[in-house]
Amino acid sequence: MKFGVSIFPTHYSIGPAEVAKAAEDVGLESLWFPEHTHIPTQTRFPMGDGTVPEHYRSTLDPFVAFAAAAAVTKTIKLATGIALIPQRDPFVLAKEVATLDLVSNGRVILGIGAGWNEPETRNHGTDFDHRFKVMKERILAMKELWTKDEAEFHGDTVDFGPTWSWPKPVQKPHPPIIIGGIGPHTLKRVAEYADGWMPIAFQMPFEELAARIAEVTALAAAKGKPKPEITVFGVPLDPKGIEQYAAAGVDRAVWGLESAPAEAVLPVLKTYGEALKAYR
């Protein structure tokens, strides 16, 4: 089992470089940053009373933040959890991911999703009802840009002729692509064009999670692909809980950090570091 930590980096919380260095120092394998370019004021949050939490409104750009993190670390993986693909130009995102993979010496994990916030998605010029198709075509187009000296792609939402795009990622053929979410077609998408699946523990009973891991493994095998890497956010900290998730096929557990100043975050990271000793 691998262990990571996630945080919404903001202008008022611990800086991305400091949290990355501290997470690496305590032995964590990966650091996960989410993404929201902006939050339209009419947004209703899908949990609680509908009020959007401050850290959703204030999160930093993940790739700029990861550049700062890469500069002060050597081993920790730099992972988006998640990047909102329907809100991003595929040429620019392909360039950003490849550049970050280059400057970090191959440490990028691209966690992706289509997003839940309809007005935010619409502000980027994407039809919310077609966002999953947009996500698929942009990812497929980016794979061409990453892996071909002369790339081209012809789809309904992305269409371009022969083109050059460098740098190429350090990781071959490209950084791992992990799809987040638990929607009815998520596992098919994982098997079709991704390398892993990323659910959140509290979104489903453990028994359902275990069944869906078996399902996505079978879907991938039917396409001649290996078992997708399973990353679960919010896995319990206790050893028995970790053992249960590992037995079900979970490859990586990701714990959370509050978007808070360093004096609040660093002790929690120390606690996670102590917990890791049980799994070494």
Protein backbone atom coordinates (compact mmCIF):
# COMPACT_ATOMS: atom_id res chain seq x y z
CA MET A 1 0.00 0.00 0.00
CA LYS A 2 1.17 3.50 -0.87
CA PHE A 3 0.15 6.52 1.19
CA GLY A 4 -0.54 10.08 0.13
CA VAL A 5 -2.01 13.26 1.50
CA SER A 6 -4.34 15.83 -0.03
CA ILE A 7 -4.88 19.51 0.67
CA PHE A 8 -6.53 22.50 -0.97
CA PRO A 9 -3.55 24.89 -1.16
CA THR A 10 -4.79 28.45 -0.68
CA HIS A 11 -3.50 31.98 -0.15
CA TYR A 12 -4.16 31.64 3.59
CA SER A 13 -2.85 28.11 4.25
CA ILE A 14 0.56 26.48 4.43
CA GLY A 15 2.45 27.07 1.19
CA PRO A 16 2.75 24.34 -1.45
CA ALA A 17 6.53 24.10 -1.14
CA GLU A 18 6.43 23.80 2.66
CA VAL A 19 3.69 21.19 2.74
CA ALA A 20 5.38 19.16 -0.02
CA LYS A 21 8.74 19.12 1.76
CA ALA A 22 7.12 18.19 5.06
CA ALA A 23 5.05 15.42 3.47
CA GLU A 24 8.12 13.97 1.78
CA ASP A 25 10.12 14.19 5.00
CA VAL A 26 7.58 12.08 6.93
CA GLY A 27 7.63 9.40 4.24
CA LEU A 28 4.44 10.01 2.26
CA GLU A 29 4.48 8.79 -1.34
CA SER A 30 2.26 11.43 -2.96
CA LEU A 31 0.79 14.90 -2.53
CA TRP A 32 -2.62 15.70 -4.06
CA PHE A 33 -3.95 19.14 -5.02
CA PRO A 34 -7.47 19.76 -6.41
CA GLU A 35 -8.57 22.38 -8.89
CA HIS A 36 -11.21 25.09 -9.22
CA THR A 37 -10.43 28.08 -11.42
CA HIS A 38 -13.26 30.07 -9.85
CA ILE A 39 -16.62 29.53 -8.16
CA PRO A 40 -19.58 31.43 -9.63
CA THR A 41 -21.57 33.06 -6.85
CA GLN A 42 -24.76 31.17 -7.74
CA THR A 43 -23.04 27.84 -7.04
CA ARG A 44 -24.81 25.51 -4.62
CA PHE A 45 -22.40 23.11 -2.92
CA PRO A 46 -23.68 19.50 -3.17
CA MET A 47 -23.26 18.83 0.55
CA GLY A 48 -24.43 20.44 3.76
CA ASP A 49 -26.54 23.59 3.44
CA GLY A 50 -25.25 24.37 -0.04
CA THR A 51 -22.69 26.96 1.08
CA VAL A 52 -19.41 26.66 -0.83
CA PRO A 53 -16.47 26.15 1.58
CA GLU A 54 -13.87 28.89 1.57
CA HIS A 55 -11.06 26.61 0.38
CA TYR A 56 -13.03 25.77 -2.79
CA ARG A 57 -13.20 29.50 -3.57
CA SER A 58 -9.54 30.08 -2.76
CA THR A 59 -7.53 27.13 -4.08
CA LEU A 60 -4.33 27.86 -5.99
CA ASP A 61 -3.66 26.70 -9.53
CA PRO A 62 -2.40 23.13 -9.00
CA PHE A 63 0.30 23.13 -11.67
CA VAL A 64 1.87 26.42 -10.58
CA ALA A 65 1.71 25.21 -6.97
CA PHE A 66 3.31 21.90 -7.93
CA ALA A 67 6.16 23.70 -9.66
CA ALA A 68 7.01 25.26 -6.30
CA ALA A 69 6.67 21.85 -4.64
CA ALA A 70 8.88 20.15 -7.23
CA ALA A 71 11.69 22.62 -6.60
CA VAL A 72 12.12 21.59 -2.95
CA THR A 73 11.44 17.82 -3.14
CA LYS A 74 13.02 14.78 -4.79
CA THR A 75 10.74 11.76 -4.46
CA ILE A 76 7.16 12.64 -3.60
CA LYS A 77 4.63 12.21 -6.42
CA LEU A 78 2.79 15.36 -7.51
CA ALA A 79 -0.83 14.42 -8.16
CA THR A 80 -3.93 16.34 -9.16
CA GLY A 81 -7.00 15.26 -7.27
CA ILE A 82 -8.60 16.27 -9.55
CA ALA A 83 -7.80 18.39 -12.62
CA LEU A 84 -11.00 19.52 -14.33
CA ILE A 85 -10.36 18.52 -17.92
CA PRO A 86 -13.50 20.10 -19.51
CA GLN A 87 -12.26 23.45 -18.21
CA ARG A 88 -8.80 23.22 -19.77
CA ASP A 89 -7.38 23.71 -23.25
CA PRO A 90 -5.79 20.37 -24.23
CA PHE A 91 -2.71 21.94 -25.83
CA VAL A 92 -1.98 24.09 -22.78
CA LEU A 93 -2.67 21.25 -20.33
CA ALA A 94 -0.53 18.79 -22.30
CA LYS A 95 2.30 21.32 -22.16
CA GLU A 96 1.84 21.98 -18.43
CA VAL A 97 1.76 18.30 -17.51
CA ALA A 98 4.79 17.46 -19.65
CA THR A 99 6.71 20.45 -18.30
CA LEU A 100 5.94 19.53 -14.69
CA ASP A 101 6.92 15.92 -15.36
CA LEU A 102 10.20 17.16 -16.82
CA VAL A 103 11.14 19.56 -14.02
CA SER A 104 10.11 17.02 -11.34
CA ASN A 105 12.00 14.17 -13.07
CA GLY A 106 8.91 12.07 -13.73
CA ARG A 107 6.79 12.54 -10.61
CA VAL A 108 3.40 13.59 -12.03
CA ILE A 109 0.13 11.71 -11.55
CA LEU A 110 -2.76 13.22 -13.50
CA GLY A 111 -5.97 12.68 -11.57
CA ILE A 112 -8.87 13.86 -13.70
CA GLY A 113 -12.59 14.50 -13.59
CA ALA A 114 -15.37 16.25 -15.46
CA GLY A 115 -16.56 18.39 -12.55
CA TRP A 116 -19.79 18.87 -10.60
CA ASN A 117 -20.22 22.65 -10.84
CA GLU A 118 -22.39 23.46 -13.85
CA PRO A 119 -21.95 27.26 -13.91
CA GLU A 120 -18.18 26.91 -13.49
CA THR A 121 -18.05 24.48 -16.43
CA ARG A 122 -20.27 26.70 -18.60
CA ASN A 123 -18.04 29.70 -17.91
CA HIS A 124 -15.26 27.79 -19.66
CA GLY A 125 -17.37 27.34 -22.78
CA THR A 126 -18.17 23.66 -22.22
CA ASP A 127 -21.71 22.30 -22.38
CA PHE A 128 -22.21 20.65 -18.98
CA ASP A 129 -24.26 17.81 -20.47
CA HIS A 130 -21.41 16.89 -22.83
CA ARG A 131 -18.52 17.33 -20.39
CA PHE A 132 -17.63 13.63 -20.25
CA LYS A 133 -17.25 13.43 -24.01
CA VAL A 134 -15.12 16.56 -23.90
CA MET A 135 -12.97 15.02 -21.16
CA LYS A 136 -12.41 11.83 -23.12
CA GLU A 137 -11.43 13.56 -26.35
CA ARG A 138 -9.10 15.99 -24.62
CA ILE A 139 -7.32 13.17 -22.80
CA LEU A 140 -7.00 11.13 -26.00
CA ALA A 141 -5.70 14.19 -27.85
CA MET A 142 -3.17 14.89 -25.08
CA LYS A 143 -1.91 11.31 -25.30
CA GLU A 144 -1.19 11.93 -28.98
CA LEU A 145 0.68 15.15 -28.15
CA TRP A 146 2.71 13.37 -25.46
CA THR A 147 3.65 10.31 -27.47
CA LYS A 148 4.00 11.39 -31.11
CA ASP A 149 6.64 13.60 -32.72
CA GLU A 150 3.97 14.73 -35.16
CA ALA A 151 0.59 14.43 -33.47
CA GLU A 152 -2.89 14.84 -34.86
CA PHE A 153 -6.37 14.18 -33.55
CA HIS A 154 -9.78 14.28 -35.15
CA GLY A 155 -12.80 14.18 -32.87
CA ASP A 156 -16.08 15.98 -32.42
CA THR A 157 -14.80 18.41 -29.77
CA VAL A 158 -11.04 18.35 -30.43
CA ASP A 159 -9.77 18.46 -33.99
CA PHE A 160 -6.28 19.31 -35.21
CA GLY A 161 -3.93 18.29 -37.99
CA PRO A 162 -0.24 17.35 -37.75
CA THR A 163 1.46 19.41 -35.07
CA TRP A 164 4.60 19.52 -32.94
CA SER A 165 4.52 19.78 -29.16
CA TRP A 166 7.47 19.49 -26.78
CA PRO A 167 8.58 18.72 -24.14
CA LYS A 168 7.43 15.14 -23.91
CA PRO A 169 6.81 13.71 -20.43
CA VAL A 170 9.65 11.90 -18.69
CA GLN A 171 7.31 9.02 -17.83
CA LYS A 172 6.57 6.72 -20.74
CA PRO A 173 4.25 6.66 -22.48
CA HIS A 174 2.91 9.46 -20.25
CA PRO A 175 2.10 10.16 -16.58
CA PRO A 176 -0.56 7.87 -15.06
CA ILE A 177 -4.11 9.05 -15.67
CA ILE A 178 -6.53 8.34 -12.83
CA ILE A 179 -10.24 9.09 -13.11
CA GLY A 180 -12.11 10.26 -10.02
CA GLY A 181 -15.80 9.76 -9.34
CA ILE A 182 -18.43 7.09 -8.76
CA GLY A 183 -20.90 7.75 -11.58
CA PRO A 184 -22.60 4.93 -13.49
CA HIS A 185 -20.12 5.02 -16.39
CA THR A 186 -16.94 5.85 -14.46
CA LEU A 187 -15.52 2.33 -14.42
CA LYS A 188 -16.03 1.93 -18.18
CA ARG A 189 -14.13 5.16 -18.71
CA VAL A 190 -11.31 3.93 -16.49
CA ALA A 191 -11.01 0.69 -18.46
CA GLU A 192 -11.22 2.51 -21.77
CA TYR A 193 -8.69 5.34 -21.52
CA ALA A 194 -7.23 5.66 -18.01
CA ASP A 195 -4.75 3.87 -15.76
CA GLY A 196 -6.56 4.03 -12.45
CA TRP A 197 -9.68 4.84 -10.47
CA MET A 198 -9.99 7.29 -7.58
CA PRO A 199 -13.14 7.14 -5.40
CA ILE A 200 -13.73 8.67 -1.96
CA ALA A 201 -14.29 6.23 0.90
CA PHE A 202 -17.32 7.94 2.44
CA GLN A 203 -19.22 7.96 -0.86
CA MET A 204 -20.08 4.25 -0.71
CA PRO A 205 -20.13 1.31 1.73
CA PHE A 206 -16.93 -0.70 1.83
CA GLU A 207 -18.64 -3.78 0.36
CA GLU A 208 -19.74 -1.76 -2.68
CA LEU A 209 -16.24 -0.36 -3.11
CA ALA A 210 -14.75 -3.85 -3.06
CA ALA A 211 -17.28 -5.04 -5.64
CA ARG A 212 -16.56 -2.09 -7.92
CA ILE A 213 -12.80 -2.70 -7.69
CA ALA A 214 -13.43 -6.26 -8.88
CA GLU A 215 -15.67 -4.89 -11.64
CA VAL A 216 -13.17 -2.36 -12.98
CA THR A 217 -10.42 -4.98 -12.86
CA ALA A 218 -12.56 -7.31 -15.00
CA LEU A 219 -13.44 -4.49 -17.43
CA ALA A 220 -9.76 -3.65 -17.89
CA ALA A 221 -8.83 -7.32 -18.35
CA ALA A 222 -11.45 -7.65 -21.08
CA LYS A 223 -9.58 -4.92 -22.96
CA GLY A 224 -6.23 -6.61 -22.40
CA LYS A 225 -5.16 -4.08 -19.79
CA PRO A 226 -3.68 -4.68 -16.32
CA LYS A 227 -5.57 -4.04 -13.10
CA PRO A 228 -6.16 -0.28 -12.75
CA GLU A 229 -4.36 1.40 -9.88
CA ILE A 230 -6.90 2.08 -7.14
CA THR A 231 -6.46 5.25 -5.08
CA VAL A 232 -8.99 5.90 -2.32
CA PHE A 233 -9.37 9.21 -0.49
CA GLY A 234 -10.44 9.12 3.14
CA VAL A 235 -9.27 5.61 4.04
CA PRO A 236 -9.22 5.04 7.82
CA LEU A 237 -5.92 5.66 9.56
CA ASP A 238 -6.01 2.50 11.69
CA PRO A 239 -4.02 -0.58 10.58
CA LYS A 240 -7.04 -2.91 10.49
CA GLY A 241 -8.89 -0.55 8.19
CA ILE A 242 -5.84 -0.27 5.94
CA GLU A 243 -5.52 -4.06 5.79
CA GLN A 244 -9.19 -4.35 4.80
CA TYR A 245 -8.81 -1.88 1.96
CA ALA A 246 -5.56 -3.46 0.77
CA ALA A 247 -7.20 -6.89 0.68
CA ALA A 248 -9.95 -5.44 -1.54
CA GLY A 249 -7.37 -4.26 -4.06
CA VAL A 250 -6.71 -0.67 -3.00
CA ASP A 251 -3.18 0.36 -4.00
CA ARG A 252 -2.99 3.81 -2.44
CA ALA A 253 -4.65 5.47 0.56
CA VAL A 254 -4.87 9.26 0.65
CA TRP A 255 -5.43 11.09 3.92
CA GLY A 256 -6.59 14.68 4.20
CA LEU A 257 -5.19 17.95 5.51
CA GLU A 258 -7.13 21.08 6.42
CA SER A 259 -6.41 24.25 4.46
CA ALA A 260 -4.75 25.92 7.43
CA PRO A 261 -1.48 27.62 8.38
CA ALA A 262 1.67 25.59 8.91
CA GLU A 263 1.33 25.48 12.69
CA ALA A 264 -1.91 23.54 12.31
CA VAL A 265 -0.90 21.33 9.38
CA LEU A 266 2.61 20.20 10.34
CA PRO A 267 1.54 18.34 13.52
CA VAL A 268 -1.05 16.40 11.49
CA LEU A 269 1.62 15.44 8.97
CA LYS A 270 3.79 14.25 11.86
CA THR A 271 0.89 12.05 13.02
CA TYR A 272 0.60 10.57 9.53
CA GLY A 273 4.33 9.92 9.54
CA GLU A 274 4.04 8.04 12.81
CA ALA A 275 1.14 6.00 11.41
CA LEU A 276 3.24 5.02 8.38
CA LYS A 277 5.66 3.13 10.63
CA ALA A 278 3.06 0.39 11.05
CA TYR A 279 3.16 -0.33 7.31
CA ARG A 280 6.89 -0.37 6.67
